[in-house]
C-alpha cells in the first residue's frame, strides 16, 4: 500500500511519468540506479531499494524517500513485464 504522505504520491508520479522506464544502473548487480530529482532539472540521485543519496533520505533516515519508493514500484513493473514477455514466448 502506498503511504498517504506526499512521498508515495510523488513516487507514483515519478513512475507514471516514465522517468524510470529506461534505467541507468551503476553496478553489475543492478542494485543501484539513477532516479531523477523531482525538483531540480537534470539532477539525479543514486538509489537502491534500501538507500538514496537525496537530502530527504539523509535527513530523515527512518522514512523511505520517494526515490526509493519509485525504484521499488518500477522494479515490480519491470518484473511483471518480463514475466509477460516470457509467457508470450512460451
N, C-alpha and C. Protein backbone atom coordinates (compact mmCIF):
# COMPACT_ATOMS: atom_id res chain seq x y z
N UNK A 1 0.84 -1.19 0.00
CA UNK A 1 0.00 0.00 0.00
C UNK A 1 0.88 1.24 0.00
N UNK A 2 0.53 2.21 -0.80
CA UNK A 2 1.26 3.47 -0.86
C UNK A 2 0.88 4.32 0.34
N UNK A 3 1.91 4.87 1.01
CA UNK A 3 1.62 5.71 2.17
C UNK A 3 0.82 6.95 1.76
N UNK A 4 0.15 7.51 2.73
CA UNK A 4 -0.73 8.65 2.43
C UNK A 4 0.01 9.98 2.38
N UNK A 5 1.30 9.99 2.76
CA UNK A 5 2.03 11.26 2.70
C UNK A 5 2.46 11.56 1.26
N UNK A 6 3.05 12.70 1.06
CA UNK A 6 3.39 13.13 -0.29
C UNK A 6 4.49 12.28 -0.93
N UNK A 7 5.30 11.57 -0.15
CA UNK A 7 6.35 10.72 -0.73
C UNK A 7 5.75 9.67 -1.66
N UNK A 8 4.71 9.02 -1.19
CA UNK A 8 4.07 7.99 -2.00
C UNK A 8 3.45 8.56 -3.26
N UNK A 9 2.79 9.69 -3.13
CA UNK A 9 2.17 10.33 -4.30
C UNK A 9 3.22 10.79 -5.30
N UNK A 10 4.32 11.35 -4.81
CA UNK A 10 5.38 11.80 -5.70
C UNK A 10 6.08 10.62 -6.37
N UNK A 11 6.21 9.52 -5.64
CA UNK A 11 6.81 8.31 -6.23
C UNK A 11 5.93 7.78 -7.36
N UNK A 12 4.63 7.75 -7.14
CA UNK A 12 3.71 7.32 -8.19
C UNK A 12 3.82 8.23 -9.41
N UNK A 13 3.93 9.53 -9.18
CA UNK A 13 4.05 10.47 -10.28
C UNK A 13 5.35 10.25 -11.06
N UNK A 14 6.44 9.96 -10.34
CA UNK A 14 7.72 9.67 -10.99
C UNK A 14 7.60 8.46 -11.91
N UNK A 15 7.01 7.40 -11.39
CA UNK A 15 6.85 6.17 -12.18
C UNK A 15 5.91 6.43 -13.36
N UNK A 16 4.80 7.10 -13.11
CA UNK A 16 3.82 7.37 -14.16
C UNK A 16 4.41 8.25 -15.27
N UNK A 17 5.37 9.09 -14.93
CA UNK A 17 5.98 9.97 -15.93
C UNK A 17 6.85 9.20 -16.92
N UNK A 18 7.20 7.97 -16.57
CA UNK A 18 8.06 7.17 -17.43
C UNK A 18 9.54 7.43 -17.22
N UNK A 19 9.87 8.25 -16.23
CA UNK A 19 11.26 8.63 -16.00
C UNK A 19 12.16 7.47 -15.58
N UNK A 20 11.57 6.38 -15.11
CA UNK A 20 12.37 5.25 -14.66
C UNK A 20 12.32 4.06 -15.62
N UNK A 21 11.64 4.20 -16.76
CA UNK A 21 11.48 3.09 -17.68
C UNK A 21 12.78 2.65 -18.33
N UNK A 22 13.69 3.57 -18.58
CA UNK A 22 14.99 3.25 -19.15
C UNK A 22 16.04 3.41 -18.05
N UNK A 23 16.24 2.37 -17.24
CA UNK A 23 17.10 2.52 -16.07
C UNK A 23 18.57 2.71 -16.43
N UNK A 24 19.24 3.49 -15.60
CA UNK A 24 20.68 3.65 -15.67
C UNK A 24 21.22 3.02 -14.40
N UNK A 25 21.76 1.79 -14.54
CA UNK A 25 22.29 1.08 -13.38
C UNK A 25 23.74 1.45 -13.18
N UNK A 26 24.15 1.50 -11.92
CA UNK A 26 25.51 1.91 -11.59
C UNK A 26 26.41 0.76 -11.18
N UNK A 27 25.87 -0.45 -11.17
CA UNK A 27 26.68 -1.60 -10.80
C UNK A 27 26.21 -2.82 -11.58
N UNK A 28 27.06 -3.83 -11.65
CA UNK A 28 26.76 -5.03 -12.43
C UNK A 28 25.60 -5.81 -11.84
N UNK A 29 25.39 -5.73 -10.55
CA UNK A 29 24.31 -6.48 -9.92
C UNK A 29 22.97 -5.78 -10.07
N UNK A 30 22.98 -4.60 -10.68
CA UNK A 30 21.77 -3.83 -10.96
C UNK A 30 20.99 -3.49 -9.69
N UNK A 31 21.71 -3.17 -8.63
CA UNK A 31 21.05 -2.81 -7.38
C UNK A 31 20.96 -1.30 -7.18
N UNK A 32 21.83 -0.55 -7.85
CA UNK A 32 21.80 0.91 -7.73
C UNK A 32 21.43 1.50 -9.08
N UNK A 33 20.54 2.47 -9.06
CA UNK A 33 20.13 3.12 -10.31
C UNK A 33 20.01 4.61 -10.08
N UNK A 34 20.05 5.36 -11.15
CA UNK A 34 19.84 6.80 -11.06
C UNK A 34 18.35 7.07 -11.16
N UNK A 35 17.86 7.89 -10.23
CA UNK A 35 16.46 8.29 -10.23
C UNK A 35 16.45 9.82 -10.29
N UNK A 36 15.67 10.37 -11.20
CA UNK A 36 15.68 11.84 -11.36
C UNK A 36 15.09 12.57 -10.16
N UNK A 37 15.61 13.75 -9.93
CA UNK A 37 15.07 14.64 -8.92
C UNK A 37 13.73 15.18 -9.41
N UNK A 38 12.81 15.37 -8.50
CA UNK A 38 11.51 15.96 -8.85
C UNK A 38 11.57 17.48 -8.84
N UNK A 39 12.61 18.03 -8.22
CA UNK A 39 12.66 19.47 -8.05
C UNK A 39 13.78 20.16 -8.82
N UNK A 40 14.84 19.43 -9.14
CA UNK A 40 15.99 20.04 -9.82
C UNK A 40 16.17 19.41 -11.19
N UNK A 41 15.91 20.16 -12.23
CA UNK A 41 16.02 19.69 -13.61
C UNK A 41 17.44 19.17 -13.88
N UNK A 42 17.53 17.97 -14.39
CA UNK A 42 18.83 17.38 -14.75
C UNK A 42 19.57 16.73 -13.61
N UNK A 43 19.05 16.80 -12.40
CA UNK A 43 19.72 16.18 -11.24
C UNK A 43 19.18 14.77 -11.04
N UNK A 44 20.06 13.89 -10.58
CA UNK A 44 19.70 12.50 -10.31
C UNK A 44 20.26 12.09 -8.96
N UNK A 45 19.64 11.08 -8.35
CA UNK A 45 20.13 10.52 -7.09
C UNK A 45 20.46 9.06 -7.29
N UNK A 46 21.52 8.62 -6.62
CA UNK A 46 21.88 7.20 -6.62
C UNK A 46 20.94 6.52 -5.64
N UNK A 47 20.15 5.59 -6.15
CA UNK A 47 19.09 4.99 -5.37
C UNK A 47 19.14 3.47 -5.47
N UNK A 48 18.94 2.81 -4.34
CA UNK A 48 18.76 1.36 -4.31
C UNK A 48 17.44 1.11 -3.60
N UNK A 49 17.12 -0.14 -3.40
CA UNK A 49 15.87 -0.44 -2.70
C UNK A 49 15.93 -0.05 -1.23
N UNK A 50 17.14 0.15 -0.70
CA UNK A 50 17.30 0.44 0.73
C UNK A 50 18.02 1.75 1.04
N UNK A 51 18.48 2.47 0.03
CA UNK A 51 19.18 3.73 0.30
C UNK A 51 19.03 4.70 -0.87
N UNK A 52 19.31 5.97 -0.58
CA UNK A 52 19.24 7.00 -1.60
C UNK A 52 20.17 8.15 -1.20
N UNK A 53 20.73 8.81 -2.20
CA UNK A 53 21.64 9.92 -1.92
C UNK A 53 20.93 11.27 -1.82
N UNK A 54 19.59 11.28 -1.84
CA UNK A 54 18.85 12.55 -1.77
C UNK A 54 18.86 13.13 -0.35
N UNK A 55 18.61 14.43 -0.23
CA UNK A 55 18.58 15.07 1.09
C UNK A 55 17.52 14.48 2.02
N UNK A 56 16.35 14.12 1.49
CA UNK A 56 15.30 13.56 2.33
C UNK A 56 15.77 12.28 3.02
N UNK A 57 16.44 11.40 2.28
CA UNK A 57 16.94 10.15 2.87
C UNK A 57 18.05 10.42 3.89
N UNK A 58 18.83 11.44 3.63
CA UNK A 58 19.92 11.78 4.55
C UNK A 58 19.39 12.35 5.87
N UNK A 59 18.42 13.25 5.78
CA UNK A 59 17.93 13.94 6.98
C UNK A 59 16.76 13.24 7.67
N UNK A 60 16.16 12.29 7.00
CA UNK A 60 15.05 11.53 7.59
C UNK A 60 15.25 10.04 7.34
N UNK A 61 16.32 9.47 7.93
CA UNK A 61 16.66 8.07 7.63
C UNK A 61 15.60 7.06 8.06
N UNK A 62 14.72 7.43 8.95
CA UNK A 62 13.67 6.49 9.39
C UNK A 62 12.55 6.37 8.37
N UNK A 63 12.50 7.29 7.40
CA UNK A 63 11.47 7.29 6.36
C UNK A 63 12.07 6.80 5.05
N UNK A 64 11.25 6.21 4.22
CA UNK A 64 11.67 5.82 2.89
C UNK A 64 11.35 6.98 1.94
N UNK A 65 12.36 7.44 1.21
CA UNK A 65 12.16 8.60 0.34
C UNK A 65 11.39 8.22 -0.93
N UNK A 66 10.90 9.22 -1.62
CA UNK A 66 10.11 8.99 -2.83
C UNK A 66 10.91 8.30 -3.93
N UNK A 67 12.23 8.53 -3.96
CA UNK A 67 13.06 7.90 -4.99
C UNK A 67 13.15 6.39 -4.76
N UNK A 68 13.29 5.99 -3.50
CA UNK A 68 13.31 4.56 -3.18
C UNK A 68 11.96 3.91 -3.48
N UNK A 69 10.89 4.59 -3.10
CA UNK A 69 9.55 4.05 -3.37
C UNK A 69 9.36 3.90 -4.87
N UNK A 70 9.75 4.91 -5.63
CA UNK A 70 9.61 4.86 -7.09
C UNK A 70 10.45 3.72 -7.67
N UNK A 71 11.67 3.55 -7.18
CA UNK A 71 12.53 2.46 -7.68
C UNK A 71 11.91 1.10 -7.38
N UNK A 72 11.32 0.96 -6.21
CA UNK A 72 10.65 -0.30 -5.86
C UNK A 72 9.44 -0.55 -6.75
N UNK A 73 8.64 0.47 -6.97
CA UNK A 73 7.47 0.33 -7.84
C UNK A 73 7.90 -0.03 -9.26
N UNK A 74 8.91 0.66 -9.78
CA UNK A 74 9.37 0.38 -11.13
C UNK A 74 9.92 -1.03 -11.25
N UNK A 75 10.59 -1.49 -10.21
CA UNK A 75 11.13 -2.86 -10.23
C UNK A 75 9.99 -3.88 -10.34
N UNK A 76 8.93 -3.68 -9.60
CA UNK A 76 7.77 -4.58 -9.69
C UNK A 76 7.19 -4.55 -11.10
N UNK A 77 7.06 -3.36 -11.68
CA UNK A 77 6.54 -3.24 -13.04
C UNK A 77 7.46 -3.93 -14.05
N UNK A 78 8.76 -3.74 -13.89
CA UNK A 78 9.73 -4.38 -14.79
C UNK A 78 9.65 -5.89 -14.71
N UNK A 79 9.55 -6.42 -13.49
CA UNK A 79 9.47 -7.88 -13.31
C UNK A 79 8.18 -8.43 -13.92
N UNK A 80 7.08 -7.71 -13.76
CA UNK A 80 5.81 -8.15 -14.35
C UNK A 80 5.90 -8.14 -15.87
N UNK A 81 6.54 -7.14 -16.43
CA UNK A 81 6.69 -7.07 -17.89
C UNK A 81 7.55 -8.23 -18.40
N UNK A 82 8.62 -8.56 -17.68
CA UNK A 82 9.48 -9.68 -18.07
C UNK A 82 8.70 -10.99 -18.03
N UNK A 83 7.89 -11.18 -17.00
CA UNK A 83 7.07 -12.38 -16.91
C UNK A 83 6.09 -12.47 -18.08
N UNK A 84 5.48 -11.35 -18.44
CA UNK A 84 4.54 -11.33 -19.55
C UNK A 84 5.25 -11.66 -20.87
N UNK A 85 6.46 -11.17 -21.04
CA UNK A 85 7.22 -11.48 -22.25
C UNK A 85 7.57 -12.95 -22.33
N UNK A 86 7.95 -13.53 -21.18
CA UNK A 86 8.28 -14.96 -21.15
C UNK A 86 7.06 -15.82 -21.47
N UNK A 87 5.91 -15.41 -20.92
CA UNK A 87 4.68 -16.15 -21.18
C UNK A 87 4.27 -16.05 -22.64
N UNK A 88 4.52 -14.91 -23.25
CA UNK A 88 4.17 -14.72 -24.66
C UNK A 88 5.02 -15.61 -25.58
N UNK A 89 6.25 -15.85 -25.17
CA UNK A 89 7.17 -16.67 -25.96
C UNK A 89 6.83 -18.15 -25.78
N UNK A 90 6.37 -18.53 -24.60
CA UNK A 90 6.12 -19.94 -24.30
C UNK A 90 4.90 -20.49 -25.00
